[in-house]
């Protein structure tokens, strides 16, 4: 019973994080929500007994992609400040 409630909460959290990542206007918040979505997805893969996919999602989906997106947001903000 508790496992079902946790799985439903996890599914709702995944939908919420995806919706927030796609609809927010602030790029920094969108990247943070993308990372949160990736970590929740890694947890979902672990709940589905797929630890290899969970590790790959956490490392690549949340970690590497998040770092690259943060770097891109930094470059966009720096480029916006340098315009006359």
Protein backbone atom coordinates (compact mmCIF):
# COMPACT_ATOMS: atom_id res chain seq x y z
CA UNK A 1 0.00 0.00 0.00
CA UNK A 2 2.81 2.41 0.91
CA UNK A 3 4.72 1.45 -2.24
CA UNK A 4 1.70 2.27 -4.41
CA UNK A 5 1.31 5.65 -2.72
CA UNK A 6 5.01 6.38 -3.25
CA UNK A 7 4.79 5.39 -6.93
CA UNK A 8 1.76 7.64 -7.45
CA UNK A 9 3.55 10.51 -5.72
CA UNK A 10 6.61 9.89 -7.90
CA UNK A 11 4.50 9.90 -11.08
CA UNK A 12 2.78 13.12 -10.04
CA UNK A 13 6.15 14.70 -9.22
CA UNK A 14 7.51 13.70 -12.64
CA UNK A 15 4.55 15.30 -14.39
CA UNK A 16 4.84 18.44 -12.26
CA UNK A 17 8.59 18.80 -12.88
CA UNK A 18 8.18 18.27 -16.63
CA UNK A 19 5.36 20.81 -16.79
CA UNK A 20 7.33 23.40 -14.81
CA UNK A 21 10.48 22.87 -16.88
CA UNK A 22 8.55 23.44 -20.10
CA UNK A 23 6.41 26.39 -19.02
CA UNK A 24 8.72 28.58 -16.95
CA UNK A 25 10.03 31.72 -18.62
CA UNK A 26 13.26 31.95 -16.61
CA UNK A 27 15.99 29.84 -18.21
CA UNK A 28 17.81 29.21 -14.92
CA UNK A 29 14.64 27.82 -13.31
CA UNK A 30 13.94 25.73 -16.41
CA UNK A 31 17.38 24.11 -16.14
CA UNK A 32 16.90 23.46 -12.43
CA UNK A 33 13.54 21.83 -13.12
CA UNK A 34 15.14 19.77 -15.91
CA UNK A 35 17.71 18.48 -13.42
CA UNK A 36 14.98 17.75 -10.87
CA UNK A 37 13.08 15.86 -13.57
CA UNK A 38 16.21 13.85 -14.41
CA UNK A 39 16.78 12.90 -10.79
CA UNK A 40 13.14 11.92 -10.33
CA UNK A 41 13.34 9.87 -13.52
CA UNK A 42 16.43 8.12 -12.15
CA UNK A 43 14.43 7.29 -9.04
CA UNK A 44 11.61 5.96 -11.21
CA UNK A 45 14.05 3.72 -13.11
CA UNK A 46 15.38 2.43 -9.80
CA UNK A 47 11.82 1.67 -8.65
CA UNK A 48 11.34 -0.29 -11.89
CA UNK A 49 14.39 -2.42 -11.03
CA UNK A 50 16.57 -0.97 -13.77
CA UNK A 51 19.64 0.24 -11.87
CA UNK A 52 21.75 0.59 -15.02
CA UNK A 53 19.24 3.01 -16.53
CA UNK A 54 18.88 4.83 -13.22
CA UNK A 55 22.64 5.44 -13.02
CA UNK A 56 22.82 6.51 -16.66
CA UNK A 57 19.89 8.90 -16.19
CA UNK A 58 21.41 10.43 -13.07
CA UNK A 59 24.88 10.78 -14.58
CA UNK A 60 24.02 11.85 -18.11
CA UNK A 61 20.47 13.18 -17.92
CA UNK A 62 20.76 15.20 -14.73
CA UNK A 63 24.50 15.60 -14.29
CA UNK A 64 26.18 16.16 -17.62
CA UNK A 65 23.24 17.66 -19.49
CA UNK A 66 22.44 19.91 -16.53
CA UNK A 67 26.00 21.20 -16.35
CA UNK A 68 26.03 21.91 -20.10
CA UNK A 69 22.70 23.71 -19.88
CA UNK A 70 23.91 25.82 -16.94
CA UNK A 71 26.98 26.73 -18.99
CA UNK A 72 24.73 27.73 -21.90
CA UNK A 73 22.57 29.91 -19.66
CA UNK A 74 25.73 31.60 -18.35
CA UNK A 75 26.91 32.31 -21.88
CA UNK A 76 23.51 33.71 -22.84
CA UNK A 77 23.46 36.01 -19.81
CA UNK A 78 27.01 37.19 -20.46
CA UNK A 79 26.19 37.82 -24.11
CA UNK A 80 23.10 39.80 -23.10
CA UNK A 81 25.16 42.03 -20.79
CA UNK A 82 27.77 42.78 -23.46
CA UNK A 83 25.27 44.14 -25.96
CA UNK A 84 25.20 47.92 -26.34
